[in-house]
Amino acid sequence: MESNDLFNILHNAVEAQQYGKKISQKHMAEKLNIPMRTYQDWRLGNSKPQAAIAIFKMLGELDDEDALRIIKKISKGLQNGQTE
């Protein structure tokens, strides 16, 4: 699976979480605090952030419960402004 597939799956999942309401690439880029062009390139496969692939591979090594726990921990840290 390519990195653009991962970003497209996640983008669609976020839309589904919003009851199917479409989310523009511009809005998603703003939420991620990145340039819209960068997000477009990720979704099109023109740019492939290597860290994203490594993160997904590492999460794939965990069982579902541990993966969910880690995702929640990361999400909480990001919400609290812990970006490094």
N, C-alpha and C. Protein backbone atom coordinates (compact mmCIF):
# COMPACT_ATOMS: atom_id res chain seq x y z
N MET A 1 0.86 -1.18 0.00
CA MET A 1 0.00 0.00 0.00
C MET A 1 0.90 1.23 0.00
N GLU A 2 0.57 2.16 -0.85
CA GLU A 2 1.34 3.40 -0.97
C GLU A 2 0.88 4.44 0.05
N SER A 3 1.74 5.42 0.33
CA SER A 3 1.40 6.44 1.32
C SER A 3 0.17 7.24 0.90
N ASN A 4 0.01 7.49 -0.41
CA ASN A 4 -1.17 8.25 -0.83
C ASN A 4 -2.45 7.47 -0.55
N ASP A 5 -2.37 6.13 -0.63
CA ASP A 5 -3.54 5.31 -0.27
C ASP A 5 -3.90 5.52 1.20
N LEU A 6 -2.88 5.56 2.05
CA LEU A 6 -3.11 5.77 3.48
C LEU A 6 -3.79 7.12 3.73
N PHE A 7 -3.28 8.17 3.08
CA PHE A 7 -3.87 9.49 3.29
C PHE A 7 -5.30 9.56 2.75
N ASN A 8 -5.56 8.91 1.64
CA ASN A 8 -6.91 8.91 1.09
C ASN A 8 -7.87 8.12 1.98
N ILE A 9 -7.42 7.00 2.50
CA ILE A 9 -8.25 6.21 3.44
C ILE A 9 -8.57 7.04 4.68
N LEU A 10 -7.55 7.70 5.22
CA LEU A 10 -7.77 8.51 6.43
C LEU A 10 -8.67 9.71 6.15
N HIS A 11 -8.46 10.36 5.02
CA HIS A 11 -9.30 11.51 4.67
C HIS A 11 -10.76 11.07 4.58
N ASN A 12 -11.00 9.95 3.89
CA ASN A 12 -12.37 9.44 3.76
C ASN A 12 -12.95 9.03 5.10
N ALA A 13 -12.12 8.48 5.98
CA ALA A 13 -12.59 8.08 7.31
C ALA A 13 -12.99 9.30 8.13
N VAL A 14 -12.23 10.38 8.02
CA VAL A 14 -12.58 11.61 8.75
C VAL A 14 -13.89 12.16 8.20
N GLU A 15 -14.06 12.13 6.88
CA GLU A 15 -15.33 12.57 6.30
C GLU A 15 -16.48 11.72 6.82
N ALA A 16 -16.29 10.41 6.88
CA ALA A 16 -17.34 9.51 7.36
C ALA A 16 -17.67 9.81 8.82
N GLN A 17 -16.65 10.15 9.59
CA GLN A 17 -16.87 10.50 11.00
C GLN A 17 -17.74 11.75 11.12
N GLN A 18 -17.68 12.59 10.09
CA GLN A 18 -18.48 13.82 10.06
C GLN A 18 -19.81 13.58 9.32
N TYR A 19 -20.28 12.33 9.37
CA TYR A 19 -21.55 11.93 8.75
C TYR A 19 -21.56 12.18 7.24
N GLY A 20 -20.41 11.92 6.60
CA GLY A 20 -20.31 12.03 5.16
C GLY A 20 -20.13 13.43 4.63
N LYS A 21 -20.04 14.41 5.52
CA LYS A 21 -19.83 15.79 5.09
C LYS A 21 -18.44 15.90 4.46
N LYS A 22 -18.39 16.40 3.23
CA LYS A 22 -17.13 16.53 2.52
C LYS A 22 -16.22 17.52 3.24
N ILE A 23 -14.94 17.17 3.30
CA ILE A 23 -13.93 18.04 3.89
C ILE A 23 -12.95 18.39 2.79
N SER A 24 -12.78 19.66 2.54
CA SER A 24 -11.88 20.07 1.47
C SER A 24 -10.43 19.79 1.86
N GLN A 25 -9.59 19.65 0.86
CA GLN A 25 -8.17 19.46 1.12
C GLN A 25 -7.60 20.68 1.84
N LYS A 26 -8.10 21.85 1.51
CA LYS A 26 -7.65 23.08 2.17
C LYS A 26 -7.97 23.02 3.66
N HIS A 27 -9.19 22.63 3.99
CA HIS A 27 -9.60 22.55 5.40
C HIS A 27 -8.78 21.50 6.15
N MET A 28 -8.57 20.34 5.52
CA MET A 28 -7.78 19.30 6.17
C MET A 28 -6.35 19.77 6.38
N ALA A 29 -5.78 20.44 5.40
CA ALA A 29 -4.42 20.96 5.53
C ALA A 29 -4.34 21.96 6.69
N GLU A 30 -5.35 22.80 6.82
CA GLU A 30 -5.39 23.76 7.93
C GLU A 30 -5.45 23.03 9.27
N LYS A 31 -6.26 21.98 9.35
CA LYS A 31 -6.36 21.19 10.58
C LYS A 31 -5.01 20.55 10.93
N LEU A 32 -4.25 20.16 9.89
CA LEU A 32 -2.96 19.52 10.11
C LEU A 32 -1.82 20.53 10.23
N ASN A 33 -2.16 21.81 10.01
CA ASN A 33 -1.18 22.89 10.09
C ASN A 33 -0.04 22.70 9.08
N ILE A 34 -0.44 22.35 7.85
CA ILE A 34 0.52 22.20 6.76
C ILE A 34 -0.01 22.94 5.54
N PRO A 35 0.86 23.27 4.59
CA PRO A 35 0.38 23.91 3.36
C PRO A 35 -0.55 22.99 2.58
N MET A 36 -1.56 23.58 1.94
CA MET A 36 -2.51 22.79 1.17
C MET A 36 -1.79 22.02 0.07
N ARG A 37 -0.80 22.62 -0.57
CA ARG A 37 -0.07 21.95 -1.65
C ARG A 37 0.61 20.68 -1.13
N THR A 38 1.14 20.73 0.07
CA THR A 38 1.77 19.55 0.66
C THR A 38 0.74 18.44 0.83
N TYR A 39 -0.42 18.79 1.36
CA TYR A 39 -1.47 17.79 1.56
C TYR A 39 -1.93 17.21 0.22
N GLN A 40 -2.09 18.08 -0.78
CA GLN A 40 -2.47 17.60 -2.12
C GLN A 40 -1.43 16.62 -2.65
N ASP A 41 -0.17 16.97 -2.50
CA ASP A 41 0.90 16.10 -2.98
C ASP A 41 0.89 14.75 -2.27
N TRP A 42 0.60 14.76 -0.97
CA TRP A 42 0.52 13.50 -0.23
C TRP A 42 -0.61 12.64 -0.77
N ARG A 43 -1.78 13.25 -0.99
CA ARG A 43 -2.94 12.48 -1.47
C ARG A 43 -2.77 11.98 -2.89
N LEU A 44 -2.03 12.73 -3.70
CA LEU A 44 -1.81 12.32 -5.08
C LEU A 44 -0.62 11.37 -5.24
N GLY A 45 0.20 11.28 -4.21
CA GLY A 45 1.37 10.43 -4.28
C GLY A 45 2.58 11.13 -4.89
N ASN A 46 2.49 12.45 -5.10
CA ASN A 46 3.62 13.21 -5.64
C ASN A 46 4.73 13.38 -4.62
N SER A 47 4.36 13.31 -3.37
CA SER A 47 5.31 13.42 -2.26
C SER A 47 4.96 12.32 -1.28
N LYS A 48 5.98 11.66 -0.75
CA LYS A 48 5.74 10.53 0.14
C LYS A 48 6.49 10.73 1.45
N PRO A 49 5.80 11.23 2.47
CA PRO A 49 6.47 11.42 3.76
C PRO A 49 6.86 10.06 4.36
N GLN A 50 8.13 9.80 4.42
CA GLN A 50 8.63 8.51 4.88
C GLN A 50 8.23 8.21 6.32
N ALA A 51 8.14 9.22 7.15
CA ALA A 51 7.76 9.00 8.54
C ALA A 51 6.37 8.39 8.64
N ALA A 52 5.47 8.80 7.78
CA ALA A 52 4.10 8.28 7.82
C ALA A 52 4.10 6.77 7.58
N ILE A 53 4.85 6.32 6.62
CA ILE A 53 4.91 4.90 6.32
C ILE A 53 5.50 4.13 7.52
N ALA A 54 6.56 4.68 8.09
CA ALA A 54 7.19 4.02 9.25
C ALA A 54 6.23 3.94 10.43
N ILE A 55 5.48 5.00 10.66
CA ILE A 55 4.52 5.02 11.77
C ILE A 55 3.46 3.95 11.57
N PHE A 56 2.92 3.86 10.35
CA PHE A 56 1.90 2.85 10.09
C PHE A 56 2.45 1.44 10.20
N LYS A 57 3.67 1.24 9.76
CA LYS A 57 4.27 -0.09 9.89
C LYS A 57 4.44 -0.46 11.36
N MET A 58 4.87 0.50 12.17
CA MET A 58 5.04 0.24 13.60
C MET A 58 3.69 -0.05 14.26
N LEU A 59 2.66 0.73 13.93
CA LEU A 59 1.33 0.49 14.49
C LEU A 59 0.82 -0.88 14.06
N GLY A 60 1.16 -1.29 12.84
CA GLY A 60 0.74 -2.59 12.34
C GLY A 60 1.36 -3.75 13.10
N GLU A 61 2.44 -3.50 13.81
CA GLU A 61 3.08 -4.54 14.61
C GLU A 61 2.36 -4.78 15.94
N LEU A 62 1.48 -3.86 16.31
CA LEU A 62 0.77 -3.94 17.59
C LEU A 62 -0.57 -4.64 17.42
N ASP A 63 -1.06 -5.24 18.51
CA ASP A 63 -2.42 -5.76 18.43
C ASP A 63 -3.39 -4.57 18.49
N ASP A 64 -4.63 -4.80 18.16
CA ASP A 64 -5.61 -3.72 18.02
C ASP A 64 -5.73 -2.87 19.28
N GLU A 65 -5.77 -3.50 20.43
CA GLU A 65 -5.94 -2.77 21.68
C GLU A 65 -4.75 -1.85 21.95
N ASP A 66 -3.55 -2.36 21.76
CA ASP A 66 -2.36 -1.53 21.98
C ASP A 66 -2.25 -0.41 20.95
N ALA A 67 -2.59 -0.72 19.70
CA ALA A 67 -2.54 0.31 18.65
C ALA A 67 -3.51 1.44 18.98
N LEU A 68 -4.71 1.10 19.40
CA LEU A 68 -5.69 2.12 19.74
C LEU A 68 -5.23 2.94 20.94
N ARG A 69 -4.63 2.29 21.93
CA ARG A 69 -4.11 3.00 23.10
C ARG A 69 -3.03 4.00 22.68
N ILE A 70 -2.14 3.58 21.81
CA ILE A 70 -1.06 4.45 21.35
C ILE A 70 -1.61 5.62 20.53
N ILE A 71 -2.57 5.33 19.65
CA ILE A 71 -3.17 6.39 18.84
C ILE A 71 -3.84 7.43 19.74
N LYS A 72 -4.55 6.98 20.75
CA LYS A 72 -5.20 7.91 21.69
C LYS A 72 -4.16 8.72 22.45
N LYS A 73 -3.08 8.09 22.85
CA LYS A 73 -2.01 8.80 23.57
C LYS A 73 -1.38 9.87 22.67
N ILE A 74 -1.11 9.52 21.42
CA ILE A 74 -0.54 10.48 20.47
C ILE A 74 -1.52 11.63 20.24
N SER A 75 -2.79 11.29 20.03
CA SER A 75 -3.81 12.31 19.80
C SER A 75 -3.91 13.28 20.98
N LYS A 76 -3.90 12.73 22.17
CA LYS A 76 -3.98 13.57 23.37
C LYS A 76 -2.75 14.49 23.45
N GLY A 77 -1.58 13.95 23.17
CA GLY A 77 -0.38 14.77 23.18
C GLY A 77 -0.42 15.88 22.16
N LEU A 78 -0.93 15.60 20.96
CA LEU A 78 -1.04 16.62 19.93
C LEU A 78 -2.05 17.69 20.32
N GLN A 79 -3.15 17.29 20.95
CA GLN A 79 -4.15 18.25 21.39
C GLN A 79 -3.60 19.17 22.46
N ASN A 80 -2.67 18.66 23.24
CA ASN A 80 -2.07 19.44 24.32
C ASN A 80 -0.86 20.24 23.83
N GLY A 81 -0.63 20.25 22.52
CA GLY A 81 0.45 21.04 21.96
C GLY A 81 1.81 20.38 21.98
N GLN A 82 1.85 19.10 22.25
CA GLN A 82 3.13 18.37 22.28
C GLN A 82 3.39 17.86 20.87
N THR A 83 4.13 18.64 20.08
CA THR A 83 4.37 18.26 18.69
C THR A 83 5.72 17.61 18.48
N GLU A 84 6.55 17.57 19.45
CA GLU A 84 7.88 16.96 19.29
C GLU A 84 8.03 15.80 20.23
